[in-house]
Amino acid sequence: IEREMAQNRCFPTDRDVPGAYRSRVGLLGLG
């Protein structure tokens, strides 16, 4: 979103992001 704002010089109208609610995080490695 930050780089799109810098490119377009405006706030995005669509900020549909996963957020930290029931989203999925993957870890490659369990050391």
PDB file of all heavy atoms in Angstrom:
ATOM      1  N   ILE A   1       0.830  -1.210   0.000  1.00  0.00           N
ATOM      2  CA  ILE A   1       0.000   0.000   0.000  1.00  0.00           C
ATOM      3  C   ILE A   1       0.865   1.260   0.000  1.00  0.00           C
ATOM      4  O   ILE A   1       0.577   2.242  -0.690  1.00  0.00           O
ATOM      5  CB  ILE A   1      -0.977  -0.023   1.193  1.00  0.00           C
ATOM      6  CG1 ILE A   1      -2.007  -1.149   0.988  1.00  0.00           C
ATOM      7  CG2 ILE A   1      -1.651   1.323   1.381  1.00  0.00           C
ATOM      8  CD1 ILE A   1      -2.911  -1.385   2.168  1.00  0.00           C
ATOM      9  N   GLU A   2       1.970   1.214   0.736  1.00  0.00           N
ATOM     10  CA  GLU A   2       2.860   2.386   0.796  1.00  0.00           C
ATOM     11  C   GLU A   2       3.435   2.697  -0.582  1.00  0.00           C
ATOM     12  O   GLU A   2       3.476   3.866  -0.999  1.00  0.00           O
ATOM     13  CB  GLU A   2       3.982   2.110   1.801  1.00  0.00           C
ATOM     14  CG  GLU A   2       4.952   3.284   2.006  1.00  0.00           C
ATOM     15  CD  GLU A   2       6.052   3.343   0.966  1.00  0.00           C
ATOM     16  OE1 GLU A   2       6.409   2.275   0.400  1.00  0.00           O
ATOM     17  OE2 GLU A   2       6.537   4.457   0.684  1.00  0.00           O
ATOM     18  N   ARG A   3       3.886   1.670  -1.304  1.00  0.00           N
ATOM     19  CA  ARG A   3       4.465   1.966  -2.615  1.00  0.00           C
ATOM     20  C   ARG A   3       3.400   2.384  -3.633  1.00  0.00           C
ATOM     21  O   ARG A   3       3.669   3.211  -4.515  1.00  0.00           O
ATOM     22  CB  ARG A   3       5.304   0.793  -3.129  1.00  0.00           C
ATOM     23  CG  ARG A   3       4.598  -0.504  -3.345  1.00  0.00           C
ATOM     24  CD  ARG A   3       5.586  -1.574  -3.847  1.00  0.00           C
ATOM     25  NE  ARG A   3       4.941  -2.869  -3.997  1.00  0.00           N
ATOM     26  CZ  ARG A   3       4.937  -3.826  -3.064  1.00  0.00           C
ATOM     27  NH1 ARG A   3       5.554  -3.627  -1.912  1.00  0.00           N
ATOM     28  NH2 ARG A   3       4.318  -4.968  -3.284  1.00  0.00           N
ATOM     29  N   GLU A   4       2.184   1.865  -3.508  1.00  0.00           N
ATOM     30  CA  GLU A   4       1.108   2.302  -4.403  1.00  0.00           C
ATOM     31  C   GLU A   4       0.719   3.757  -4.124  1.00  0.00           C
ATOM     32  O   GLU A   4       0.436   4.515  -5.045  1.00  0.00           O
ATOM     33  CB  GLU A   4      -0.096   1.378  -4.262  1.00  0.00           C
ATOM     34  CG  GLU A   4       0.145  -0.017  -4.841  1.00  0.00           C
ATOM     35  CD  GLU A   4      -1.038  -0.952  -4.662  1.00  0.00           C
ATOM     36  OE1 GLU A   4      -2.051  -0.517  -4.076  1.00  0.00           O
ATOM     37  OE2 GLU A   4      -0.944  -2.110  -5.104  1.00  0.00           O
ATOM     38  N   MET A   5       0.749   4.125  -2.838  1.00  0.00           N
ATOM     39  CA  MET A   5       0.470   5.525  -2.498  1.00  0.00           C
ATOM     40  C   MET A   5       1.535   6.447  -3.080  1.00  0.00           C
ATOM     41  O   MET A   5       1.232   7.513  -3.623  1.00  0.00           O
ATOM     42  CB  MET A   5       0.420   5.691  -0.981  1.00  0.00           C
ATOM     43  CG  MET A   5      -0.835   5.137  -0.321  1.00  0.00           C
ATOM     44  SD  MET A   5      -0.729   5.216   1.491  1.00  0.00           S
ATOM     45  CE  MET A   5      -0.388   6.947   1.751  1.00  0.00           C
ATOM     46  N   ALA A   6       2.804   6.039  -2.974  1.00  0.00           N
ATOM     47  CA  ALA A   6       3.885   6.871  -3.490  1.00  0.00           C
ATOM     48  C   ALA A   6       3.792   7.011  -5.004  1.00  0.00           C
ATOM     49  O   ALA A   6       4.072   8.079  -5.564  1.00  0.00           O
ATOM     50  CB  ALA A   6       5.229   6.263  -3.093  1.00  0.00           C
ATOM     51  N   GLN A   7       3.360   5.934  -5.654  1.00  0.00           N
ATOM     52  CA  GLN A   7       3.248   5.969  -7.114  1.00  0.00           C
ATOM     53  C   GLN A   7       2.057   6.794  -7.577  1.00  0.00           C
ATOM     54  O   GLN A   7       2.155   7.584  -8.528  1.00  0.00           O
ATOM     55  CB  GLN A   7       3.136   4.547  -7.656  1.00  0.00           C
ATOM     56  CG  GLN A   7       3.016   4.470  -9.174  1.00  0.00           C
ATOM     57  CD  GLN A   7       2.897   3.035  -9.662  1.00  0.00           C
ATOM     58  OE1 GLN A   7       2.921   2.093  -8.894  1.00  0.00           O
ATOM     59  NE2 GLN A   7       2.756   2.884 -10.969  1.00  0.00           N
ATOM     60  N   ASN A   8       0.924   6.659  -6.903  1.00  0.00           N
ATOM     61  CA  ASN A   8      -0.318   7.297  -7.346  1.00  0.00           C
ATOM     62  C   ASN A   8      -0.565   8.655  -6.704  1.00  0.00           C
ATOM     63  O   ASN A   8      -1.497   9.370  -7.092  1.00  0.00           O
ATOM     64  CB  ASN A   8      -1.512   6.376  -7.057  1.00  0.00           C
ATOM     65  CG  ASN A   8      -1.391   5.049  -7.793  1.00  0.00           C
ATOM     66  OD1 ASN A   8      -0.870   4.990  -8.903  1.00  0.00           O
ATOM     67  ND2 ASN A   8      -1.874   3.978  -7.169  1.00  0.00           N
ATOM     68  N   ARG A   9       0.222   9.003  -5.682  1.00  0.00           N
ATOM     69  CA  ARG A   9       0.091  10.283  -4.967  1.00  0.00           C
ATOM     70  C   ARG A   9      -1.307  10.468  -4.372  1.00  0.00           C
ATOM     71  O   ARG A   9      -1.843  11.573  -4.368  1.00  0.00           O
ATOM     72  CB  ARG A   9       0.414  11.456  -5.890  1.00  0.00           C
ATOM     73  CG  ARG A   9       1.783  11.410  -6.555  1.00  0.00           C
ATOM     74  CD  ARG A   9       2.913  11.549  -5.535  1.00  0.00           C
ATOM     75  NE  ARG A   9       4.206  11.528  -6.169  1.00  0.00           N
ATOM     76  CZ  ARG A   9       4.910  12.615  -6.505  1.00  0.00           C
ATOM     77  NH1 ARG A   9       4.403  13.815  -6.284  1.00  0.00           N
ATOM     78  NH2 ARG A   9       6.097  12.499  -7.057  1.00  0.00           N
ATOM     79  N   CYS A  10      -1.899   9.380  -3.902  1.00  0.00           N
ATOM     80  CA  CYS A  10      -3.202   9.490  -3.235  1.00  0.00           C
ATOM     81  C   CYS A  10      -3.415   8.260  -2.369  1.00  0.00           C
ATOM     82  O   CYS A  10      -2.718   7.252  -2.506  1.00  0.00           O
ATOM     83  CB  CYS A  10      -4.335   9.617  -4.261  1.00  0.00           C
ATOM     84  SG  CYS A  10      -4.548   8.155  -5.290  1.00  0.00           S
ATOM     85  N   PHE A  11      -4.382   8.356  -1.453  1.00  0.00           N
ATOM     86  CA  PHE A  11      -4.720   7.212  -0.630  1.00  0.00           C
ATOM     87  C   PHE A  11      -5.522   6.205  -1.463  1.00  0.00           C
ATOM     88  O   PHE A  11      -6.354   6.602  -2.276  1.00  0.00           O
ATOM     89  CB  PHE A  11      -5.554   7.647   0.577  1.00  0.00           C
ATOM     90  CG  PHE A  11      -4.737   8.190   1.714  1.00  0.00           C
ATOM     91  CD1 PHE A  11      -3.431   8.611   1.534  1.00  0.00           C
ATOM     92  CD2 PHE A  11      -5.294   8.271   2.980  1.00  0.00           C
ATOM     93  CE1 PHE A  11      -2.687   9.110   2.587  1.00  0.00           C
ATOM     94  CE2 PHE A  11      -4.555   8.763   4.048  1.00  0.00           C
ATOM     95  CZ  PHE A  11      -3.253   9.185   3.846  1.00  0.00           C
ATOM     96  N   PRO A  12      -5.276   4.922  -1.285  1.00  0.00           N
ATOM     97  CA  PRO A  12      -6.045   3.933  -2.039  1.00  0.00           C
ATOM     98  C   PRO A  12      -7.492   3.885  -1.548  1.00  0.00           C
ATOM     99  O   PRO A  12      -7.777   4.089  -0.361  1.00  0.00           O
ATOM    100  CB  PRO A  12      -5.320   2.617  -1.744  1.00  0.00           C
ATOM    101  CG  PRO A  12      -4.682   2.835  -0.412  1.00  0.00           C
ATOM    102  CD  PRO A  12      -4.302   4.283  -0.377  1.00  0.00           C
ATOM    103  N   THR A  13      -8.392   3.631  -2.457  1.00  0.00           N
ATOM    104  CA  THR A  13      -9.802   3.506  -2.071  1.00  0.00           C
ATOM    105  C   THR A  13     -10.134   2.090  -1.635  1.00  0.00           C
ATOM    106  O   THR A  13     -11.076   1.873  -0.874  1.00  0.00           O
ATOM    107  CB  THR A  13     -10.711   3.905  -3.245  1.00  0.00           C
ATOM    108  OG1 THR A  13     -10.387   3.099  -4.381  1.00  0.00           O
ATOM    109  CG2 THR A  13     -10.507   5.381  -3.594  1.00  0.00           C
ATOM    110  N   ASP A  14      -9.350   1.107  -2.103  1.00  0.00           N
ATOM    111  CA  ASP A  14      -9.604  -0.291  -1.768  1.00  0.00           C
ATOM    112  C   ASP A  14      -8.487  -0.782  -0.860  1.00  0.00           C
ATOM    113  O   ASP A  14      -7.361  -0.990  -1.305  1.00  0.00           O
ATOM    114  CB  ASP A  14      -9.662  -1.141  -3.040  1.00  0.00           C
ATOM    115  CG  ASP A  14      -9.911  -2.622  -2.731  1.00  0.00           C
ATOM    116  OD1 ASP A  14     -10.222  -2.930  -1.557  1.00  0.00           O
ATOM    117  OD2 ASP A  14      -9.793  -3.448  -3.648  1.00  0.00           O
ATOM    118  N   ARG A  15      -8.802  -0.920   0.422  1.00  0.00           N
ATOM    119  CA  ARG A  15      -7.796  -1.396   1.373  1.00  0.00           C
ATOM    120  C   ARG A  15      -8.221  -2.738   1.954  1.00  0.00           C
ATOM    121  O   ARG A  15      -8.197  -2.957   3.150  1.00  0.00           O
ATOM    122  CB  ARG A  15      -7.573  -0.362   2.472  1.00  0.00           C
ATOM    123  CG  ARG A  15      -6.779   0.846   1.993  1.00  0.00           C
ATOM    124  CD  ARG A  15      -6.694   1.925   3.041  1.00  0.00           C
ATOM    125  NE  ARG A  15      -7.930   2.720   3.089  1.00  0.00           N
ATOM    126  CZ  ARG A  15      -8.113   3.749   3.908  1.00  0.00           C
ATOM    127  NH1 ARG A  15      -7.163   4.108   4.747  1.00  0.00           N
ATOM    128  NH2 ARG A  15      -9.250   4.411   3.894  1.00  0.00           N
ATOM    129  N   ASP A  16      -8.608  -3.639   1.101  1.00  0.00           N
ATOM    130  CA  ASP A  16      -9.035  -4.975   1.508  1.00  0.00           C
ATOM    131  C   ASP A  16      -7.797  -5.832   1.727  1.00  0.00           C
ATOM    132  O   ASP A  16      -7.181  -6.333   0.780  1.00  0.00           O
ATOM    133  CB  ASP A  16      -9.937  -5.588   0.435  1.00  0.00           C
ATOM    134  CG  ASP A  16     -10.468  -6.954   0.857  1.00  0.00           C
ATOM    135  OD1 ASP A  16     -10.413  -7.264   2.070  1.00  0.00           O
ATOM    136  OD2 ASP A  16     -10.922  -7.711  -0.020  1.00  0.00           O
ATOM    137  N   VAL A  17      -7.394  -5.965   2.978  1.00  0.00           N
ATOM    138  CA  VAL A  17      -6.184  -6.728   3.314  1.00  0.00           C
ATOM    139  C   VAL A  17      -6.559  -7.825   4.312  1.00  0.00           C
ATOM    140  O   VAL A  17      -7.581  -7.739   5.008  1.00  0.00           O
ATOM    141  CB  VAL A  17      -5.101  -5.811   3.908  1.00  0.00           C
ATOM    142  CG1 VAL A  17      -4.708  -4.729   2.903  1.00  0.00           C
ATOM    143  CG2 VAL A  17      -5.558  -5.178   5.208  1.00  0.00           C
ATOM    144  N   PRO A  18      -5.729  -8.878   4.433  1.00  0.00           N
ATOM    145  CA  PRO A  18      -6.056  -9.974   5.357  1.00  0.00           C
ATOM    146  C   PRO A  18      -6.127  -9.531   6.810  1.00  0.00           C
ATOM    147  O   PRO A  18      -7.034  -9.907   7.548  1.00  0.00           O
ATOM    148  CB  PRO A  18      -4.918 -10.972   5.141  1.00  0.00           C
ATOM    149  CG  PRO A  18      -4.317 -10.614   3.836  1.00  0.00           C
ATOM    150  CD  PRO A  18      -4.514  -9.152   3.658  1.00  0.00           C
ATOM    151  N   GLY A  19      -5.151  -8.703   7.253  1.00  0.00           N
ATOM    152  CA  GLY A  19      -5.105  -8.329   8.664  1.00  0.00           C
ATOM    153  C   GLY A  19      -4.777  -9.537   9.536  1.00  0.00           C
ATOM    154  O   GLY A  19      -4.623 -10.664   9.058  1.00  0.00           O
ATOM    155  N   ALA A  20      -4.683  -9.285  10.812  1.00  0.00           N
ATOM    156  CA  ALA A  20      -4.313 -10.352  11.754  1.00  0.00           C
ATOM    157  C   ALA A  20      -5.554 -10.981  12.381  1.00  0.00           C
ATOM    158  O   ALA A  20      -5.648 -11.139  13.596  1.00  0.00           O
ATOM    159  CB  ALA A  20      -3.386  -9.790  12.827  1.00  0.00           C
ATOM    160  N   TYR A  21      -6.501 -11.350  11.532  1.00  0.00           N
ATOM    161  CA  TYR A  21      -7.695 -12.012  12.029  1.00  0.00           C
ATOM    162  C   TYR A  21      -8.029 -13.182  11.106  1.00  0.00           C
ATOM    163  O   TYR A  21      -8.449 -13.003   9.971  1.00  0.00           O
ATOM    164  CB  TYR A  21      -8.884 -11.058  12.106  1.00  0.00           C
ATOM    165  CG  TYR A  21     -10.150 -11.711  12.633  1.00  0.00           C
ATOM    166  CD1 TYR A  21     -10.246 -12.101  13.970  1.00  0.00           C
ATOM    167  CD2 TYR A  21     -11.227 -11.938  11.794  1.00  0.00           C
ATOM    168  CE1 TYR A  21     -11.381 -12.707  14.454  1.00  0.00           C
ATOM    169  CE2 TYR A  21     -12.388 -12.539  12.274  1.00  0.00           C
ATOM    170  CZ  TYR A  21     -12.456 -12.937  13.607  1.00  0.00           C
ATOM    171  OH  TYR A  21     -13.595 -13.542  14.078  1.00  0.00           O
ATOM    172  N   ARG A  22      -7.758 -14.369  11.608  1.00  0.00           N
ATOM    173  CA  ARG A  22      -8.029 -15.616  10.904  1.00  0.00           C
ATOM    174  C   ARG A  22      -7.358 -15.683   9.536  1.00  0.00           C
ATOM    175  O   ARG A  22      -7.853 -16.329   8.621  1.00  0.00           O
ATOM    176  CB  ARG A  22      -9.531 -15.856  10.814  1.00  0.00           C
ATOM    177  CG  ARG A  22     -10.163 -15.956  12.200  1.00  0.00           C
ATOM    178  CD  ARG A  22     -11.594 -16.410  12.178  1.00  0.00           C
ATOM    179  NE  ARG A  22     -12.092 -16.517  13.547  1.00  0.00           N
ATOM    180  CZ  ARG A  22     -13.333 -16.870  13.871  1.00  0.00           C
ATOM    181  NH1 ARG A  22     -14.207 -17.145  12.905  1.00  0.00           N
ATOM    182  NH2 ARG A  22     -13.706 -16.946  15.129  1.00  0.00           N
ATOM    183  N   SER A  23      -6.260 -14.990   9.420  1.00  0.00           N
ATOM    184  CA  SER A  23      -5.446 -15.089   8.216  1.00  0.00           C
ATOM    185  C   SER A  23      -4.424 -16.210   8.426  1.00  0.00           C
ATOM    186  O   SER A  23      -4.308 -16.775   9.509  1.00  0.00           O
ATOM    187  CB  SER A  23      -4.753 -13.754   7.931  1.00  0.00           C
ATOM    188  OG  SER A  23      -4.194 -13.220   9.113  1.00  0.00           O
ATOM    189  N   ARG A  24      -3.663 -16.518   7.382  1.00  0.00           N
ATOM    190  CA  ARG A  24      -2.755 -17.666   7.437  1.00  0.00           C
ATOM    191  C   ARG A  24      -1.308 -17.199   7.302  1.00  0.00           C
ATOM    192  O   ARG A  24      -0.962 -16.458   6.388  1.00  0.00           O
ATOM    193  CB  ARG A  24      -3.073 -18.660   6.322  1.00  0.00           C
ATOM    194  CG  ARG A  24      -4.494 -19.189   6.335  1.00  0.00           C
ATOM    195  CD  ARG A  24      -4.680 -20.225   5.233  1.00  0.00           C
ATOM    196  NE  ARG A  24      -4.710 -21.582   5.786  1.00  0.00           N
ATOM    197  CZ  ARG A  24      -4.601 -22.679   5.046  1.00  0.00           C
ATOM    198  NH1 ARG A  24      -4.411 -22.583   3.747  1.00  0.00           N
ATOM    199  NH2 ARG A  24      -4.657 -23.867   5.613  1.00  0.00           N
ATOM    200  N   VAL A  25      -0.495 -17.685   8.230  1.00  0.00           N
ATOM    201  CA  VAL A  25       0.941 -17.404   8.213  1.00  0.00           C
ATOM    202  C   VAL A  25       1.671 -18.725   8.065  1.00  0.00           C
ATOM    203  O   VAL A  25       1.409 -19.677   8.818  1.00  0.00           O
ATOM    204  CB  VAL A  25       1.394 -16.676   9.494  1.00  0.00           C
ATOM    205  CG1 VAL A  25       2.907 -16.449   9.473  1.00  0.00           C
ATOM    206  CG2 VAL A  25       0.647 -15.358   9.655  1.00  0.00           C
ATOM    207  N   GLY A  26       2.578 -18.800   7.103  1.00  0.00           N
ATOM    208  CA  GLY A  26       3.315 -20.031   6.849  1.00  0.00           C
ATOM    209  C   GLY A  26       4.768 -19.910   7.262  1.00  0.00           C
ATOM    210  O   GLY A  26       5.438 -18.918   6.953  1.00  0.00           O
ATOM    211  N   LEU A  27       5.265 -20.917   7.967  1.00  0.00           N
ATOM    212  CA  LEU A  27       6.664 -20.962   8.397  1.00  0.00           C
ATOM    213  C   LEU A  27       7.355 -22.124   7.700  1.00  0.00           C
ATOM    214  O   LEU A  27       6.936 -23.275   7.845  1.00  0.00           O
ATOM    215  CB  LEU A  27       6.761 -21.140   9.915  1.00  0.00           C
ATOM    216  CG  LEU A  27       6.013 -20.116  10.774  1.00  0.00           C
ATOM    217  CD1 LEU A  27       6.143 -20.469  12.251  1.00  0.00           C
ATOM    218  CD2 LEU A  27       6.523 -18.713  10.509  1.00  0.00           C
ATOM    219  N   LEU A  28       8.391 -21.822   6.936  1.00  0.00           N
ATOM    220  CA  LEU A  28       9.177 -22.877   6.310  1.00  0.00           C
ATOM    221  C   LEU A  28      10.347 -23.173   7.235  1.00  0.00           C
ATOM    222  O   LEU A  28      11.370 -22.517   7.199  1.00  0.00           O
ATOM    223  CB  LEU A  28       9.674 -22.439   4.932  1.00  0.00           C
ATOM    224  CG  LEU A  28      10.383 -23.513   4.116  1.00  0.00           C
ATOM    225  CD1 LEU A  28       9.468 -24.713   3.864  1.00  0.00           C
ATOM    226  CD2 LEU A  28      10.875 -22.943   2.796  1.00  0.00           C
ATOM    227  N   GLY A  29      10.163 -24.171   8.115  1.00  0.00           N
ATOM    228  CA  GLY A  29      11.186 -24.529   9.089  1.00  0.00           C
ATOM    229  C   GLY A  29      10.708 -24.313  10.508  1.00  0.00           C
ATOM    230  O   GLY A  29      10.146 -23.260  10.832  1.00  0.00           O
ATOM    231  N   LEU A  30      10.942 -25.333  11.357  1.00  0.00           N
ATOM    232  CA  LEU A  30      10.540 -25.255  12.771  1.00  0.00           C
ATOM    233  C   LEU A  30      11.740 -25.486  13.690  1.00  0.00           C
ATOM    234  O   LEU A  30      11.673 -26.265  14.634  1.00  0.00           O
ATOM    235  CB  LEU A  30       9.437 -26.274  13.070  1.00  0.00           C
ATOM    236  CG  LEU A  30       8.015 -25.890  12.665  1.00  0.00           C
ATOM    237  CD1 LEU A  30       7.045 -27.024  12.996  1.00  0.00           C
ATOM    238  CD2 LEU A  30       7.572 -24.606  13.353  1.00  0.00           C
ATOM    239  N   GLY A  31      12.830 -24.803  13.376  1.00  0.00           N
ATOM    240  CA  GLY A  31      13.974 -24.827  14.274  1.00  0.00           C
ATOM    241  C   GLY A  31      13.771 -23.836  15.409  1.00  0.00           C
ATOM    242  O   GLY A  31      12.648 -23.464  15.744  1.00  0.00           O
TER     243      GLY A  31
END
